[in-house]
């Protein structure tokens, strides 16, 4: 069971499904297929299984642009939106998230960085008009 809002299964950016990510997914699915075909091998303490599932989650989080957190993972923020905005030089305005309305339950993770913000430039990580 997932904690928070992992988003809709079909809501992803196709540009994030790169050839390299498809290749990684196929490799992970091969490893996980071993467990699918041999359910008796599935154990919570199996370090190989845990690492493989962790890699699969990371890959899916990258494609979906969201955190995916399961019940019992108290150390992780709940599932939700992840926004990464890296700029080299900011001359004008750089915003990671600009929204009219955002739910108070939203739990975005935002990484907004720039190497240089030039005079007159502006970086605003979050701009929200109305918090619901």
Protein backbone atom coordinates (compact mmCIF):
# COMPACT_ATOMS: atom_id res chain seq x y z
CA UNK A 1 0.00 0.00 0.00
CA UNK A 2 1.27 3.46 -0.95
CA UNK A 3 1.30 6.43 1.44
CA UNK A 4 0.42 9.84 -0.04
CA UNK A 5 -0.41 10.58 -3.66
CA UNK A 6 1.71 8.62 -6.14
CA UNK A 7 -0.24 10.11 -9.06
CA UNK A 8 -2.05 8.39 -11.92
CA UNK A 9 -0.30 5.42 -13.54
CA UNK A 10 -0.52 6.95 -17.03
CA UNK A 11 0.61 10.44 -15.95
CA UNK A 12 4.29 10.57 -16.94
CA UNK A 13 6.46 12.41 -19.43
CA UNK A 14 7.27 10.07 -22.36
CA UNK A 15 10.56 11.96 -22.83
CA UNK A 16 11.66 10.50 -19.48
CA UNK A 17 11.41 6.96 -20.94
CA UNK A 18 14.88 6.99 -22.46
CA UNK A 19 16.56 4.04 -24.17
CA UNK A 20 18.93 3.76 -21.19
CA UNK A 21 16.01 3.62 -18.74
CA UNK A 22 14.20 1.01 -20.84
CA UNK A 23 17.35 -1.10 -20.83
CA UNK A 24 17.67 -0.76 -17.04
CA UNK A 25 14.01 -1.67 -16.60
CA UNK A 26 14.42 -4.79 -18.75
CA UNK A 27 17.43 -5.86 -16.67
CA UNK A 28 15.56 -5.30 -13.41
CA UNK A 29 12.55 -7.23 -14.71
CA UNK A 30 14.79 -10.18 -15.59
CA UNK A 31 16.11 -10.31 -12.03
CA UNK A 32 12.64 -9.90 -10.54
CA UNK A 33 11.30 -12.57 -12.92
CA UNK A 34 13.43 -15.10 -11.01
CA UNK A 35 11.47 -14.27 -7.87
CA UNK A 36 8.16 -14.27 -9.71
CA UNK A 37 8.84 -17.75 -11.06
CA UNK A 38 10.13 -19.00 -7.68
CA UNK A 39 7.98 -17.40 -5.00
CA UNK A 40 9.61 -19.55 -2.32
CA UNK A 41 12.77 -17.41 -2.79
CA UNK A 42 11.00 -14.22 -1.65
CA UNK A 43 12.23 -13.24 1.81
CA UNK A 44 12.16 -9.82 3.45
CA UNK A 45 15.83 -10.07 4.39
CA UNK A 46 17.04 -10.96 0.87
CA UNK A 47 19.49 -8.13 0.20
CA UNK A 48 19.59 -8.74 -3.58
CA UNK A 49 15.80 -8.50 -3.79
CA UNK A 50 15.75 -5.34 -1.65
CA UNK A 51 18.43 -3.64 -3.80
CA UNK A 52 16.66 -4.63 -7.02
CA UNK A 53 13.31 -3.32 -5.79
CA UNK A 54 15.03 -0.12 -4.65
CA UNK A 55 16.53 0.36 -8.11
CA UNK A 56 13.13 -0.27 -9.70
CA UNK A 57 11.51 2.31 -7.42
CA UNK A 58 14.23 4.89 -8.24
CA UNK A 59 13.74 4.27 -11.96
CA UNK A 60 9.96 4.64 -11.68
CA UNK A 61 10.31 7.78 -9.54
CA UNK A 62 12.55 9.30 -12.22
CA UNK A 63 10.09 8.49 -15.02
CA UNK A 64 7.02 9.65 -13.08
CA UNK A 65 8.71 12.64 -11.41
CA UNK A 66 7.16 11.61 -8.08
CA UNK A 67 8.19 9.94 -4.86
CA UNK A 68 6.67 6.52 -4.25
CA UNK A 69 6.53 5.66 -0.55
CA UNK A 70 5.02 2.52 0.96
CA UNK A 71 3.35 1.96 4.32
CA UNK A 72 5.98 1.32 6.98
CA UNK A 73 8.61 3.59 5.46
CA UNK A 74 8.39 6.30 8.12
CA UNK A 75 11.86 7.61 7.25
CA UNK A 76 10.74 8.61 3.72
CA UNK A 77 8.48 11.54 2.88
CA UNK A 78 5.03 10.40 1.69
CA UNK A 79 4.44 9.88 -2.03
CA UNK A 80 4.15 13.07 -3.96
CA UNK A 81 5.37 15.39 -6.67
CA UNK A 82 9.10 15.87 -7.28
CA UNK A 83 10.32 18.90 -9.20
CA UNK A 84 13.95 19.33 -10.28
CA UNK A 85 14.95 22.62 -11.90
CA UNK A 86 18.67 23.16 -12.45
CA UNK A 87 19.85 26.30 -14.22
CA UNK A 88 23.30 27.34 -15.26
CA UNK A 89 22.80 31.12 -15.63
CA UNK A 90 19.67 33.00 -14.56
CA UNK A 91 19.25 36.39 -16.22
CA UNK A 92 15.47 36.70 -15.90
CA UNK A 93 13.08 34.71 -13.73
CA UNK A 94 13.47 31.05 -12.82
CA UNK A 95 10.61 29.31 -11.01
CA UNK A 96 10.41 25.66 -10.08
CA UNK A 97 6.66 25.72 -9.34
CA UNK A 98 4.09 28.42 -10.08
CA UNK A 99 0.49 27.49 -9.30
CA UNK A 100 -2.83 29.20 -8.84
CA UNK A 101 -4.17 26.71 -6.31
CA UNK A 102 -2.44 24.00 -4.32
CA UNK A 103 -3.96 21.62 -1.81
CA UNK A 104 -2.67 21.87 1.74
CA UNK A 105 -2.11 18.11 1.49
CA UNK A 106 0.35 18.54 -1.38
CA UNK A 107 3.80 17.38 -0.43
CA UNK A 108 6.11 18.50 -3.23
CA UNK A 109 9.84 17.88 -3.10
CA UNK A 110 11.58 20.71 -4.93
CA UNK A 111 15.22 20.99 -5.95
CA UNK A 112 15.82 24.40 -7.54
CA UNK A 113 19.42 25.43 -8.12
CA UNK A 114 21.45 27.78 -10.27
CA UNK A 115 25.16 28.23 -10.74
CA UNK A 116 24.83 32.01 -11.20
CA UNK A 117 21.94 34.43 -10.68
CA UNK A 118 22.93 37.60 -12.54
CA UNK A 119 21.98 41.11 -11.41
CA UNK A 120 18.28 41.59 -12.09
CA UNK A 121 17.75 37.82 -12.13
CA UNK A 122 15.31 36.13 -9.79
CA UNK A 123 14.92 32.59 -8.47
CA UNK A 124 11.64 31.65 -6.86
CA UNK A 125 11.26 28.00 -5.93
CA UNK A 126 7.52 28.10 -5.17
CA UNK A 127 4.88 30.68 -6.01
CA UNK A 128 1.32 29.80 -4.99
CA UNK A 129 -1.67 32.14 -5.25
CA UNK A 130 -4.11 30.14 -3.11
CA UNK A 131 -3.37 27.34 -0.63
CA UNK A 132 -6.48 25.18 -0.20
